[in-house]
């Protein structure tokens, strides 16, 4: 099979797992376009970390609409545009919603989500990154983002388990599961080569 259109690759996984690093490296390897999630612009985020129960719905709805707008732009990709490598997909929003919203809020959220989901582009391959909780905590501490310092081992464990359960039952697109606890794709070519060629295999393309 030959590539007759731009590939769309989405990288997902819990906080601190190394999504953005992989996206930048993959895009450079593929000559692709980097699409990064916009996080800091959410006006409810800081208040959510202070009072999760009170601000969960506002925070999640803002993220959903923001991510939907950005994902909608990907539909405009044409044959002459580069491959797309993104550090999130809209399904991330649903994972976090299930983790943070009450049953009543989740019911309303799901109605909004389902009306938007059909209007976005599906990735050709989803890369699911995962790593042990102690590794995630070390990486979060190292990068020092103020709003992430509220995350403790309990929250990250629940989040990682929610991701694991979600991807165990997700079959809408091909998924490449990668335990990156010991993979240094930021500095080494061999693990990056492996990930790149596995993506191509799942997309029905020959290795490079």
N, C-alpha and C. Protein backbone atom coordinates (compact mmCIF):
# COMPACT_ATOMS: atom_id res chain seq x y z
N UNK A 1 0.85 -1.20 0.00
CA UNK A 1 0.00 0.00 0.00
C UNK A 1 0.87 1.24 0.00
N UNK A 2 0.51 2.24 -0.81
CA UNK A 2 1.22 3.52 -0.82
C UNK A 2 0.37 4.58 -0.16
N UNK A 3 1.05 5.61 0.34
CA UNK A 3 0.34 6.69 1.04
C UNK A 3 -0.21 7.67 0.02
N UNK A 4 -1.54 7.83 -0.02
CA UNK A 4 -2.17 8.71 -1.00
C UNK A 4 -2.80 9.95 -0.37
N UNK A 5 -2.61 10.13 0.95
CA UNK A 5 -3.13 11.31 1.64
C UNK A 5 -2.33 11.51 2.92
N UNK A 6 -2.45 12.67 3.56
CA UNK A 6 -1.72 12.89 4.80
C UNK A 6 -2.18 11.93 5.90
N UNK A 7 -1.23 11.42 6.67
CA UNK A 7 -1.56 10.62 7.84
C UNK A 7 -1.93 11.53 9.00
N UNK A 8 -2.85 11.05 9.83
CA UNK A 8 -3.19 11.76 11.06
C UNK A 8 -2.90 10.82 12.22
N UNK A 9 -1.90 11.17 13.02
CA UNK A 9 -1.49 10.37 14.16
C UNK A 9 -1.79 11.15 15.43
N UNK A 10 -2.48 10.53 16.38
CA UNK A 10 -2.75 11.15 17.68
C UNK A 10 -2.05 10.35 18.76
N UNK A 11 -1.43 11.06 19.70
CA UNK A 11 -0.72 10.43 20.82
C UNK A 11 -1.49 10.75 22.10
N UNK A 12 -1.81 9.71 22.85
CA UNK A 12 -2.58 9.88 24.08
C UNK A 12 -1.92 9.16 25.25
N UNK A 13 -2.35 9.52 26.46
CA UNK A 13 -1.83 8.91 27.67
C UNK A 13 -1.95 9.88 28.83
N UNK A 14 -1.71 9.41 30.04
CA UNK A 14 -1.88 10.26 31.22
C UNK A 14 -0.85 11.38 31.30
N UNK A 15 -1.08 12.29 32.22
CA UNK A 15 -0.22 13.45 32.42
C UNK A 15 1.20 12.99 32.76
N UNK A 16 2.19 13.61 32.11
CA UNK A 16 3.58 13.33 32.41
C UNK A 16 4.17 12.14 31.70
N UNK A 17 3.42 11.54 30.76
CA UNK A 17 3.89 10.31 30.13
C UNK A 17 4.82 10.56 28.94
N UNK A 18 4.89 11.81 28.46
CA UNK A 18 5.83 12.12 27.38
C UNK A 18 5.20 12.28 26.01
N UNK A 19 3.94 12.70 25.97
CA UNK A 19 3.23 12.83 24.70
C UNK A 19 3.85 13.89 23.79
N UNK A 20 4.05 15.08 24.33
CA UNK A 20 4.51 16.19 23.49
C UNK A 20 5.91 15.94 22.95
N UNK A 21 6.77 15.35 23.76
CA UNK A 21 8.12 15.02 23.30
C UNK A 21 8.06 14.08 22.11
N UNK A 22 7.24 13.04 22.21
CA UNK A 22 7.11 12.08 21.11
C UNK A 22 6.52 12.74 19.88
N UNK A 23 5.52 13.57 20.07
CA UNK A 23 4.88 14.24 18.93
C UNK A 23 5.89 15.09 18.16
N UNK A 24 6.68 15.86 18.87
CA UNK A 24 7.67 16.72 18.20
C UNK A 24 8.71 15.89 17.45
N UNK A 25 9.14 14.81 18.05
CA UNK A 25 10.14 13.95 17.40
C UNK A 25 9.55 13.23 16.19
N UNK A 26 8.33 12.72 16.33
CA UNK A 26 7.69 12.04 15.21
C UNK A 26 7.44 12.99 14.05
N UNK A 27 6.95 14.18 14.37
CA UNK A 27 6.66 15.15 13.31
C UNK A 27 7.92 15.53 12.56
N UNK A 28 9.03 15.69 13.29
CA UNK A 28 10.30 16.00 12.64
C UNK A 28 10.73 14.84 11.74
N UNK A 29 10.54 13.62 12.21
CA UNK A 29 10.91 12.45 11.42
C UNK A 29 10.05 12.34 10.16
N UNK A 30 8.76 12.63 10.29
CA UNK A 30 7.82 12.46 9.19
C UNK A 30 7.69 13.69 8.31
N UNK A 31 8.32 14.80 8.72
CA UNK A 31 8.11 16.05 8.00
C UNK A 31 6.68 16.54 8.17
N UNK A 32 6.11 16.26 9.35
CA UNK A 32 4.70 16.54 9.58
C UNK A 32 4.45 17.81 10.37
N UNK A 33 3.18 18.09 10.55
CA UNK A 33 2.72 19.26 11.30
C UNK A 33 2.41 18.87 12.73
N UNK A 34 2.93 19.63 13.68
CA UNK A 34 2.68 19.40 15.10
C UNK A 34 1.38 20.10 15.51
N UNK A 35 0.49 19.37 16.16
CA UNK A 35 -0.73 19.95 16.74
C UNK A 35 -0.69 19.68 18.24
N UNK A 36 -0.57 20.75 19.03
CA UNK A 36 -0.47 20.63 20.48
C UNK A 36 -1.75 21.09 21.15
N UNK A 37 -2.09 20.40 22.22
CA UNK A 37 -3.26 20.79 23.00
C UNK A 37 -3.04 22.14 23.66
N UNK A 38 -4.06 22.98 23.65
CA UNK A 38 -4.00 24.29 24.30
C UNK A 38 -4.57 24.13 25.70
N UNK A 39 -3.71 24.22 26.72
CA UNK A 39 -4.13 23.96 28.09
C UNK A 39 -4.30 25.23 28.89
N UNK A 40 -3.31 26.09 28.84
CA UNK A 40 -3.27 27.23 29.76
C UNK A 40 -4.39 28.23 29.56
N UNK A 41 -5.07 28.19 28.41
CA UNK A 41 -6.09 29.19 28.11
C UNK A 41 -7.41 28.94 28.85
N UNK A 42 -7.58 27.78 29.46
CA UNK A 42 -8.84 27.48 30.15
C UNK A 42 -8.95 28.34 31.41
N UNK A 43 -9.91 29.27 31.46
CA UNK A 43 -10.00 30.18 32.61
C UNK A 43 -10.47 29.51 33.89
N UNK A 44 -10.98 28.28 33.78
CA UNK A 44 -11.49 27.58 34.96
C UNK A 44 -10.46 26.62 35.57
N UNK A 45 -9.34 26.41 34.87
CA UNK A 45 -8.43 25.33 35.26
C UNK A 45 -7.83 25.53 36.65
N UNK A 46 -7.32 26.72 36.93
CA UNK A 46 -6.71 26.96 38.24
C UNK A 46 -7.72 26.78 39.36
N UNK A 47 -8.97 27.25 39.13
CA UNK A 47 -10.01 27.10 40.15
C UNK A 47 -10.42 25.63 40.31
N UNK A 48 -10.35 24.88 39.20
CA UNK A 48 -10.66 23.45 39.28
C UNK A 48 -9.69 22.73 40.20
N UNK A 49 -8.41 23.06 40.11
CA UNK A 49 -7.43 22.39 40.95
C UNK A 49 -7.60 22.75 42.42
N UNK A 50 -8.22 23.91 42.69
CA UNK A 50 -8.48 24.31 44.07
C UNK A 50 -9.78 23.70 44.60
N UNK A 51 -10.78 23.54 43.72
CA UNK A 51 -12.08 23.02 44.14
C UNK A 51 -12.65 22.19 42.97
N UNK A 52 -12.23 20.95 42.88
CA UNK A 52 -12.57 20.11 41.73
C UNK A 52 -14.07 19.87 41.60
N UNK A 53 -14.73 19.67 42.70
CA UNK A 53 -16.17 19.36 42.65
C UNK A 53 -16.97 20.54 42.10
N UNK A 54 -16.61 21.75 42.49
CA UNK A 54 -17.37 22.93 42.09
C UNK A 54 -17.12 23.32 40.64
N UNK A 55 -15.89 23.17 40.17
CA UNK A 55 -15.53 23.69 38.85
C UNK A 55 -15.29 22.61 37.80
N UNK A 56 -15.60 21.36 38.11
CA UNK A 56 -15.32 20.27 37.17
C UNK A 56 -16.10 20.43 35.86
N UNK A 57 -17.40 20.72 35.95
CA UNK A 57 -18.21 20.77 34.74
C UNK A 57 -17.80 21.92 33.83
N UNK A 58 -17.61 23.12 34.40
CA UNK A 58 -17.20 24.27 33.60
C UNK A 58 -15.86 24.01 32.91
N UNK A 59 -14.94 23.45 33.68
CA UNK A 59 -13.61 23.16 33.14
C UNK A 59 -13.69 22.17 32.00
N UNK A 60 -14.46 21.11 32.19
CA UNK A 60 -14.54 20.06 31.18
C UNK A 60 -15.25 20.53 29.93
N UNK A 61 -16.31 21.32 30.09
CA UNK A 61 -17.04 21.81 28.93
C UNK A 61 -16.19 22.77 28.11
N UNK A 62 -15.41 23.63 28.80
CA UNK A 62 -14.51 24.53 28.09
C UNK A 62 -13.49 23.73 27.29
N UNK A 63 -12.89 22.72 27.92
CA UNK A 63 -11.92 21.88 27.22
C UNK A 63 -12.55 21.20 26.02
N UNK A 64 -13.76 20.68 26.18
CA UNK A 64 -14.42 19.98 25.09
C UNK A 64 -14.61 20.88 23.89
N UNK A 65 -15.11 22.10 24.11
CA UNK A 65 -15.35 23.00 22.99
C UNK A 65 -14.04 23.48 22.37
N UNK A 66 -13.04 23.74 23.21
CA UNK A 66 -11.74 24.17 22.71
C UNK A 66 -11.09 23.08 21.86
N UNK A 67 -11.12 21.85 22.37
CA UNK A 67 -10.53 20.74 21.63
C UNK A 67 -11.31 20.46 20.36
N UNK A 68 -12.63 20.60 20.42
CA UNK A 68 -13.45 20.38 19.22
C UNK A 68 -13.11 21.39 18.14
N UNK A 69 -12.98 22.66 18.51
CA UNK A 69 -12.64 23.68 17.51
C UNK A 69 -11.31 23.37 16.84
N UNK A 70 -10.33 22.99 17.65
CA UNK A 70 -9.02 22.69 17.08
C UNK A 70 -9.06 21.43 16.22
N UNK A 71 -9.78 20.41 16.67
CA UNK A 71 -9.89 19.18 15.90
C UNK A 71 -10.65 19.41 14.59
N UNK A 72 -11.62 20.32 14.61
CA UNK A 72 -12.40 20.59 13.40
C UNK A 72 -11.52 21.12 12.28
N UNK A 73 -10.48 21.85 12.64
CA UNK A 73 -9.58 22.41 11.64
C UNK A 73 -8.84 21.31 10.87
N UNK A 74 -8.68 20.15 11.49
CA UNK A 74 -7.95 19.07 10.83
C UNK A 74 -8.72 18.52 9.64
N UNK A 75 -10.03 18.71 9.61
CA UNK A 75 -10.84 18.26 8.48
C UNK A 75 -10.48 18.99 7.20
N UNK A 76 -9.85 20.14 7.34
CA UNK A 76 -9.51 20.94 6.17
C UNK A 76 -8.21 20.48 5.51
N UNK A 77 -7.54 19.49 6.12
CA UNK A 77 -6.29 18.99 5.54
C UNK A 77 -6.56 18.43 4.14
N UNK A 78 -5.67 18.75 3.19
CA UNK A 78 -5.84 18.25 1.83
C UNK A 78 -4.63 17.41 1.43
N UNK A 79 -4.62 16.95 0.19
CA UNK A 79 -3.58 16.04 -0.27
C UNK A 79 -2.20 16.66 -0.26
N UNK A 80 -2.13 17.98 -0.27
CA UNK A 80 -0.84 18.65 -0.37
C UNK A 80 -0.31 19.11 0.98
N UNK A 81 -1.04 18.83 2.05
CA UNK A 81 -0.58 19.22 3.38
C UNK A 81 0.24 18.09 3.99
N UNK A 82 1.11 18.43 4.95
CA UNK A 82 1.94 17.39 5.58
C UNK A 82 1.13 16.51 6.51
N UNK A 83 1.75 15.39 6.90
CA UNK A 83 1.13 14.53 7.92
C UNK A 83 0.90 15.33 9.20
N UNK A 84 -0.08 14.90 9.98
CA UNK A 84 -0.44 15.59 11.22
C UNK A 84 -0.10 14.67 12.40
N UNK A 85 0.60 15.23 13.39
CA UNK A 85 0.90 14.48 14.61
C UNK A 85 0.44 15.34 15.79
N UNK A 86 -0.54 14.85 16.54
CA UNK A 86 -1.15 15.62 17.62
C UNK A 86 -0.88 14.98 18.98
N UNK A 87 -0.76 15.81 20.01
CA UNK A 87 -0.49 15.27 21.35
C UNK A 87 -1.77 15.05 22.17
N UNK A 88 -2.90 14.95 21.48
CA UNK A 88 -4.16 14.61 22.15
C UNK A 88 -5.20 14.27 21.09
N UNK A 89 -6.31 13.69 21.53
CA UNK A 89 -7.48 13.50 20.68
C UNK A 89 -8.71 13.83 21.51
N UNK A 90 -9.83 14.08 20.85
CA UNK A 90 -11.04 14.48 21.57
C UNK A 90 -11.47 13.44 22.60
N UNK A 91 -11.17 12.17 22.35
CA UNK A 91 -11.56 11.14 23.31
C UNK A 91 -10.94 11.36 24.69
N UNK A 92 -9.82 12.10 24.73
CA UNK A 92 -9.21 12.44 26.03
C UNK A 92 -10.21 13.16 26.91
N UNK A 93 -11.01 14.01 26.29
CA UNK A 93 -11.97 14.79 27.05
C UNK A 93 -12.97 13.88 27.75
N UNK A 94 -13.39 12.86 27.05
CA UNK A 94 -14.36 11.92 27.64
C UNK A 94 -13.74 11.15 28.80
N UNK A 95 -12.46 10.79 28.67
CA UNK A 95 -11.77 10.08 29.75
C UNK A 95 -11.74 10.93 31.02
N UNK A 96 -11.36 12.21 30.87
CA UNK A 96 -11.29 13.09 32.03
C UNK A 96 -12.69 13.38 32.59
N UNK A 97 -13.68 13.48 31.71
CA UNK A 97 -15.04 13.73 32.17
C UNK A 97 -15.54 12.59 33.05
N UNK A 98 -15.27 11.38 32.66
CA UNK A 98 -15.69 10.22 33.45
C UNK A 98 -15.00 10.20 34.81
N UNK A 99 -13.85 10.82 34.88
CA UNK A 99 -13.07 10.83 36.11
C UNK A 99 -13.52 11.92 37.07
N UNK A 100 -14.03 13.04 36.53
CA UNK A 100 -14.25 14.23 37.36
C UNK A 100 -15.71 14.63 37.56
N UNK A 101 -16.62 14.24 36.67
CA UNK A 101 -17.98 14.75 36.73
C UNK A 101 -18.90 13.85 37.55
N UNK A 102 -19.93 14.47 38.13
CA UNK A 102 -20.98 13.71 38.80
C UNK A 102 -21.84 13.01 37.75
N UNK A 103 -22.69 12.10 38.18
CA UNK A 103 -23.52 11.35 37.23
C UNK A 103 -24.42 12.28 36.43
N UNK A 104 -25.04 13.26 37.08
CA UNK A 104 -25.92 14.20 36.37
C UNK A 104 -25.14 15.02 35.37
N UNK A 105 -23.98 15.52 35.79
CA UNK A 105 -23.14 16.31 34.89
C UNK A 105 -22.64 15.47 33.72
N UNK A 106 -22.28 14.23 34.00
CA UNK A 106 -21.77 13.36 32.95
C UNK A 106 -22.84 13.06 31.91
N UNK A 107 -24.08 12.91 32.34
CA UNK A 107 -25.16 12.67 31.40
C UNK A 107 -25.33 13.82 30.43
N UNK A 108 -25.29 15.05 30.94
CA UNK A 108 -25.39 16.22 30.08
C UNK A 108 -24.17 16.34 29.19
N UNK A 109 -23.00 16.12 29.76
CA UNK A 109 -21.76 16.19 29.00
C UNK A 109 -21.78 15.20 27.84
N UNK A 110 -22.23 13.96 28.09
CA UNK A 110 -22.24 12.92 27.05
C UNK A 110 -23.11 13.32 25.86
N UNK A 111 -24.21 13.99 26.12
CA UNK A 111 -25.08 14.43 25.01
C UNK A 111 -24.35 15.44 24.13
N UNK A 112 -23.63 16.35 24.76
CA UNK A 112 -22.86 17.33 23.99
C UNK A 112 -21.73 16.64 23.23
N UNK A 113 -21.01 15.77 23.93
CA UNK A 113 -19.87 15.07 23.32
C UNK A 113 -20.30 14.27 22.09
N UNK A 114 -21.37 13.51 22.22
CA UNK A 114 -21.79 12.65 21.12
C UNK A 114 -22.23 13.45 19.90
N UNK A 115 -22.75 14.65 20.11
CA UNK A 115 -23.15 15.48 18.98
C UNK A 115 -21.93 16.06 18.25
N UNK A 116 -20.81 16.18 18.96
CA UNK A 116 -19.59 16.74 18.36
C UNK A 116 -18.69 15.67 17.76
N UNK A 117 -18.72 14.49 18.35
CA UNK A 117 -17.77 13.44 17.98
C UNK A 117 -17.84 13.06 16.51
N UNK A 118 -19.05 13.08 15.95
CA UNK A 118 -19.22 12.67 14.55
C UNK A 118 -18.71 13.71 13.57
N UNK A 119 -18.34 14.89 14.07
CA UNK A 119 -17.95 15.99 13.19
C UNK A 119 -16.44 16.18 13.09
N UNK A 120 -15.67 15.26 13.70
CA UNK A 120 -14.21 15.42 13.67
C UNK A 120 -13.56 14.26 12.93
N UNK A 121 -12.31 14.46 12.57
CA UNK A 121 -11.54 13.48 11.82
C UNK A 121 -11.00 12.40 12.76
N UNK A 122 -11.16 11.14 12.35
CA UNK A 122 -10.58 10.05 13.13
C UNK A 122 -9.10 9.90 12.77
N UNK A 123 -8.25 9.65 13.76
CA UNK A 123 -6.84 9.42 13.44
C UNK A 123 -6.65 8.10 12.71
N UNK A 124 -5.60 8.02 11.91
CA UNK A 124 -5.26 6.75 11.26
C UNK A 124 -4.71 5.76 12.27
N UNK A 125 -3.95 6.29 13.24
CA UNK A 125 -3.39 5.47 14.32
C UNK A 125 -3.38 6.29 15.59
N UNK A 126 -3.75 5.66 16.70
CA UNK A 126 -3.66 6.27 18.02
C UNK A 126 -2.50 5.62 18.78
N UNK A 127 -1.56 6.42 19.25
CA UNK A 127 -0.46 5.91 20.07
C UNK A 127 -0.83 6.13 21.53
N UNK A 128 -0.93 5.05 22.28
CA UNK A 128 -1.27 5.12 23.70
C UNK A 128 0.00 4.91 24.52
N UNK A 129 0.49 5.99 25.13
CA UNK A 129 1.67 5.93 25.98
C UNK A 129 1.28 5.66 27.42
N UNK A 130 2.04 4.82 28.09
CA UNK A 130 1.80 4.58 29.52
C UNK A 130 3.13 4.31 30.21
N UNK A 131 3.16 4.55 31.53
CA UNK A 131 4.36 4.36 32.33
C UNK A 131 3.95 4.20 33.79
N UNK A 132 4.81 3.63 34.63
CA UNK A 132 4.49 3.49 36.06
C UNK A 132 4.26 4.84 36.72
N UNK A 133 3.48 4.84 37.80
CA UNK A 133 3.10 6.08 38.47
C UNK A 133 4.31 6.84 38.99
N UNK A 134 5.31 6.13 39.53
CA UNK A 134 6.48 6.84 40.05
C UNK A 134 7.23 7.57 38.95
N UNK A 135 7.22 7.01 37.74
CA UNK A 135 7.85 7.67 36.60
C UNK A 135 7.07 8.94 36.24
N UNK A 136 5.75 8.85 36.22
CA UNK A 136 4.92 10.02 35.91
C UNK A 136 5.16 11.13 36.93
N UNK A 137 5.20 10.79 38.21
CA UNK A 137 5.42 11.79 39.26
C UNK A 137 6.78 12.46 39.11
N UNK A 138 7.80 11.70 38.78
CA UNK A 138 9.14 12.26 38.59
C UNK A 138 9.15 13.24 37.42
N UNK A 139 8.50 12.88 36.34
CA UNK A 139 8.48 13.75 35.16
C UNK A 139 7.68 15.02 35.42
N UNK A 140 6.57 14.90 36.12
CA UNK A 140 5.76 16.08 36.45
C UNK A 140 6.55 17.03 37.33
N UNK A 141 7.24 16.49 38.34
CA UNK A 141 8.05 17.33 39.22
C UNK A 141 9.18 18.00 38.46
N UNK A 142 9.77 17.27 37.52
CA UNK A 142 10.92 17.79 36.78
C UNK A 142 10.54 18.95 35.88
N UNK A 143 9.37 18.87 35.24
CA UNK A 143 9.01 19.96 34.32
C UNK A 143 8.40 21.15 35.03
N UNK A 144 7.93 20.98 36.27
CA UNK A 144 7.62 22.09 37.15
C UNK A 144 6.47 23.00 36.75
N UNK A 145 5.46 22.47 36.08
CA UNK A 145 4.30 23.30 35.77
C UNK A 145 3.49 23.51 37.04
N UNK A 146 3.25 24.77 37.44
CA UNK A 146 2.60 25.02 38.74
C UNK A 146 1.27 24.31 38.91
N UNK A 147 0.41 24.33 37.87
CA UNK A 147 -0.92 23.76 38.03
C UNK A 147 -0.91 22.24 38.11
N UNK A 148 0.23 21.60 37.78
CA UNK A 148 0.31 20.15 37.85
C UNK A 148 0.82 19.64 39.20
N UNK A 149 1.33 20.54 40.02
CA UNK A 149 1.94 20.10 41.28
C UNK A 149 0.89 19.60 42.28
N UNK A 150 -0.39 19.88 42.01
CA UNK A 150 -1.46 19.39 42.90
C UNK A 150 -1.74 17.90 42.69
N UNK A 151 -1.21 17.32 41.61
CA UNK A 151 -1.46 15.91 41.35
C UNK A 151 -0.66 15.04 42.32
N UNK A 152 -1.34 14.11 42.97
CA UNK A 152 -0.65 13.17 43.85
C UNK A 152 -0.73 11.77 43.24
N UNK A 153 -0.09 10.83 43.93
CA UNK A 153 -0.03 9.46 43.40
C UNK A 153 -1.43 8.85 43.27
N UNK A 154 -2.33 9.19 44.20
CA UNK A 154 -3.68 8.64 44.14
C UNK A 154 -4.43 9.08 42.90
N UNK A 155 -4.35 10.39 42.61
CA UNK A 155 -5.04 10.91 41.43
C UNK A 155 -4.45 10.32 40.15
N UNK A 156 -3.11 10.28 40.07
CA UNK A 156 -2.47 9.75 38.86
C UNK A 156 -2.75 8.27 38.68
N UNK A 157 -2.83 7.53 39.79
CA UNK A 157 -3.15 6.11 39.70
C UNK A 157 -4.56 5.91 39.13
N UNK A 158 -5.51 6.70 39.61
CA UNK A 158 -6.88 6.62 39.10
C UNK A 158 -6.94 7.01 37.64
N UNK A 159 -6.22 8.08 37.28
CA UNK A 159 -6.20 8.53 35.89
C UNK A 159 -5.59 7.48 34.98
N UNK A 160 -4.46 6.93 35.38
CA UNK A 160 -3.79 5.91 34.57
C UNK A 160 -4.66 4.67 34.40
N UNK A 161 -5.36 4.29 35.46
CA UNK A 161 -6.25 3.13 35.37
C UNK A 161 -7.45 3.42 34.47
N UNK A 162 -7.94 4.65 34.50
CA UNK A 162 -9.04 5.03 33.61
C UNK A 162 -8.60 4.95 32.15
N UNK A 163 -7.40 5.44 31.87
CA UNK A 163 -6.84 5.32 30.51
C UNK A 163 -6.71 3.85 30.11
N UNK A 164 -6.13 3.05 31.02
CA UNK A 164 -5.90 1.64 30.70
C UNK A 164 -7.22 0.93 30.38
N UNK A 165 -8.23 1.17 31.20
CA UNK A 165 -9.53 0.53 30.99
C UNK A 165 -10.15 1.02 29.68
N UNK A 166 -10.02 2.31 29.40
CA UNK A 166 -10.61 2.85 28.18
C UNK A 166 -9.99 2.19 26.95
N UNK A 167 -8.66 2.14 26.89
CA UNK A 167 -8.01 1.61 25.70
C UNK A 167 -8.11 0.09 25.59
N UNK A 168 -8.39 -0.57 26.70
CA UNK A 168 -8.62 -2.01 26.64
C UNK A 168 -9.90 -2.34 25.87
N UNK A 169 -10.81 -1.36 25.78
CA UNK A 169 -12.09 -1.57 25.11
C UNK A 169 -12.29 -0.65 23.91
N UNK A 170 -11.23 0.00 23.46
CA UNK A 170 -11.35 0.95 22.35
C UNK A 170 -10.86 0.30 21.07
N UNK A 171 -11.74 0.24 20.07
CA UNK A 171 -11.40 -0.43 18.81
C UNK A 171 -11.79 0.40 17.59
N UNK A 172 -12.07 1.68 17.78
CA UNK A 172 -12.54 2.50 16.66
C UNK A 172 -11.45 2.73 15.62
N UNK A 173 -10.19 2.83 16.07
CA UNK A 173 -9.06 2.99 15.15
C UNK A 173 -7.91 2.13 15.68
N UNK A 174 -6.91 1.82 14.84
CA UNK A 174 -5.76 1.04 15.33
C UNK A 174 -5.03 1.77 16.45
N UNK A 175 -4.64 1.02 17.49
CA UNK A 175 -3.95 1.59 18.65
C UNK A 175 -2.59 0.93 18.82
N UNK A 176 -1.55 1.75 18.96
CA UNK A 176 -0.21 1.28 19.29
C UNK A 176 0.04 1.58 20.76
N UNK A 177 0.13 0.54 21.58
CA UNK A 177 0.36 0.70 23.02
C UNK A 177 1.86 0.66 23.29
N UNK A 178 2.37 1.71 23.96
CA UNK A 178 3.81 1.84 24.19
C UNK A 178 4.08 2.13 25.66
N UNK A 179 4.79 1.23 26.33
CA UNK A 179 5.28 1.49 27.69
C UNK A 179 6.60 2.23 27.54
N UNK A 180 6.59 3.51 27.85
CA UNK A 180 7.78 4.32 27.59
C UNK A 180 8.59 4.61 28.85
N UNK A 181 8.44 3.78 29.87
CA UNK A 181 9.20 4.00 31.10
C UNK A 181 10.69 4.01 30.85
N UNK A 182 11.15 3.15 29.94
CA UNK A 182 12.59 3.05 29.66
C UNK A 182 12.94 3.39 28.22
N UNK A 183 12.01 3.96 27.48
CA UNK A 183 12.28 4.34 26.09
C UNK A 183 12.73 5.80 26.03
N UNK A 184 13.94 6.04 25.57
CA UNK A 184 14.44 7.41 25.47
C UNK A 184 14.34 7.89 24.03
N UNK A 185 13.10 8.05 23.56
CA UNK A 185 12.92 8.51 22.19
C UNK A 185 13.23 10.00 22.04
N UNK A 186 13.42 10.69 23.16
CA UNK A 186 13.80 12.10 23.09
C UNK A 186 15.22 12.27 22.57
N UNK A 187 16.09 11.29 22.86
CA UNK A 187 17.51 11.43 22.52
C UNK A 187 18.05 10.31 21.65
N UNK A 188 17.34 9.20 21.55
CA UNK A 188 17.84 8.06 20.80
C UNK A 188 16.96 7.79 19.58
N UNK A 189 17.61 7.34 18.51
CA UNK A 189 16.89 7.10 17.25
C UNK A 189 16.21 5.74 17.21
N UNK A 190 16.80 4.73 17.85
CA UNK A 190 16.27 3.38 17.73
C UNK A 190 14.83 3.25 18.22
N UNK A 191 14.49 3.74 19.43
CA UNK A 191 13.08 3.64 19.85
C UNK A 191 12.15 4.46 18.99
N UNK A 192 12.63 5.60 18.50
CA UNK A 192 11.81 6.42 17.61
C UNK A 192 11.56 5.70 16.30
N UNK A 193 12.60 5.03 15.77
CA UNK A 193 12.44 4.25 14.54
C UNK A 193 11.37 3.17 14.73
N UNK A 194 11.44 2.48 15.87
CA UNK A 194 10.48 1.40 16.12
C UNK A 194 9.05 1.94 16.17
N UNK A 195 8.84 3.02 16.91
CA UNK A 195 7.50 3.60 17.02
C UNK A 195 7.00 4.05 15.65
N UNK A 196 7.87 4.72 14.90
CA UNK A 196 7.49 5.23 13.58
C UNK A 196 7.07 4.08 12.65
N UNK A 197 7.86 3.02 12.62
CA UNK A 197 7.55 1.91 11.72
C UNK A 197 6.34 1.11 12.19
N UNK A 198 6.09 1.04 13.50
CA UNK A 198 4.88 0.40 13.99
C UNK A 198 3.64 1.21 13.59
N UNK A 199 3.75 2.52 13.64
CA UNK A 199 2.65 3.38 13.18
C UNK A 199 2.37 3.13 11.71
N UNK A 200 3.41 3.09 10.91
CA UNK A 200 3.24 2.84 9.48
C UNK A 200 2.61 1.46 9.24
N UNK A 201 3.04 0.47 10.00
CA UNK A 201 2.47 -0.87 9.84
C UNK A 201 0.97 -0.86 10.13
N UNK A 202 0.58 -0.21 11.23
CA UNK A 202 -0.83 -0.16 11.60
C UNK A 202 -1.65 0.66 10.60
N UNK A 203 -1.00 1.61 9.94
CA UNK A 203 -1.68 2.41 8.92
C UNK A 203 -1.69 1.72 7.56
N UNK A 204 -1.10 0.52 7.48
CA UNK A 204 -1.07 -0.22 6.22
C UNK A 204 -0.01 0.23 5.27
N UNK A 205 1.07 0.83 5.79
CA UNK A 205 2.15 1.35 4.97
C UNK A 205 3.43 0.56 5.23
N UNK A 206 4.34 0.50 4.24
CA UNK A 206 5.61 -0.23 4.44
C UNK A 206 6.54 0.54 5.37
N UNK A 207 7.50 -0.14 6.02
CA UNK A 207 8.46 0.55 6.88
C UNK A 207 9.38 1.44 6.06
N UNK A 208 10.00 2.39 6.74
CA UNK A 208 10.95 3.27 6.07
C UNK A 208 12.37 2.94 6.52
